[in-house]
Amino acid sequence: MSSLIRILLAIFIPPVAVLVTTGFGIQFLLNIVLWVLGWVPGTVHALWLMNRDRPLL
């Protein structure tokens, strides 16, 4: 899946982006909980998961 589409999903529907990135598991369930508690924590978690393995530079 395109990175742009995954980033847009992470911004608007974070659990779907996490599901596509990591599959069904603890990160997906954690993201749903964070998303229910607030849009920002769910979005930050989804973006972090998508970029945690990439170097900054």
Protein backbone atom coordinates (compact mmCIF):
# COMPACT_ATOMS: atom_id res chain seq x y z
CA MET A 1 0.00 0.00 0.00
CA SER A 2 1.24 3.47 -0.81
CA SER A 3 2.86 5.46 1.98
CA LEU A 4 0.66 8.44 1.24
CA ILE A 5 -2.50 6.37 1.61
CA ARG A 6 -1.24 4.87 4.88
CA ILE A 7 -0.41 8.34 6.24
CA LEU A 8 -3.87 9.61 5.31
CA LEU A 9 -5.43 6.57 6.97
CA ALA A 10 -3.30 7.20 10.07
CA ILE A 11 -4.59 10.75 10.25
CA PHE A 12 -8.27 10.06 9.63
CA ILE A 13 -8.80 6.42 10.73
CA PRO A 14 -5.79 5.33 12.83
CA PRO A 15 -6.96 1.77 13.64
CA VAL A 16 -7.21 0.91 9.94
CA ALA A 17 -3.68 2.19 9.32
CA VAL A 18 -2.37 0.10 12.22
CA LEU A 19 -4.24 -2.97 10.97
CA VAL A 20 -2.70 -2.57 7.51
CA THR A 21 0.78 -1.94 8.96
CA THR A 22 1.04 -4.54 11.74
CA GLY A 23 -1.96 -6.82 11.33
CA PHE A 24 -4.37 -7.88 14.05
CA GLY A 25 -2.60 -7.93 17.40
CA ILE A 26 -1.81 -6.00 20.55
CA GLN A 27 -0.80 -2.84 18.65
CA PHE A 28 -4.14 -2.81 16.84
CA LEU A 29 -6.11 -3.25 20.06
CA LEU A 30 -4.00 -0.60 21.82
CA ASN A 31 -4.65 1.81 18.97
CA ILE A 32 -8.40 1.27 19.20
CA VAL A 33 -8.27 2.07 22.92
CA LEU A 34 -6.16 5.18 22.28
CA TRP A 35 -8.44 6.27 19.46
CA VAL A 36 -11.53 5.91 21.65
CA LEU A 37 -9.83 7.99 24.36
CA GLY A 38 -9.02 10.70 21.84
CA TRP A 39 -8.24 11.22 18.21
CA VAL A 40 -4.73 12.64 18.81
CA PRO A 41 -3.31 9.70 20.84
CA GLY A 42 -4.57 7.21 18.27
CA THR A 43 -3.11 9.22 15.41
CA VAL A 44 0.26 9.69 17.08
CA HIS A 45 0.46 5.97 17.87
CA ALA A 46 -0.41 5.01 14.28
CA LEU A 47 2.15 7.39 12.79
CA TRP A 48 4.80 6.19 15.25
CA LEU A 49 4.16 2.55 14.34
CA MET A 50 4.48 3.27 10.64
CA ASN A 51 7.76 5.15 11.05
CA ARG A 52 9.50 3.42 13.96
CA ASP A 53 11.72 1.26 11.75
CA ARG A 54 12.76 4.02 9.39
CA PRO A 55 15.84 6.13 10.14
CA LEU A 56 15.30 9.85 10.64
CA LEU A 57 17.89 10.84 8.03
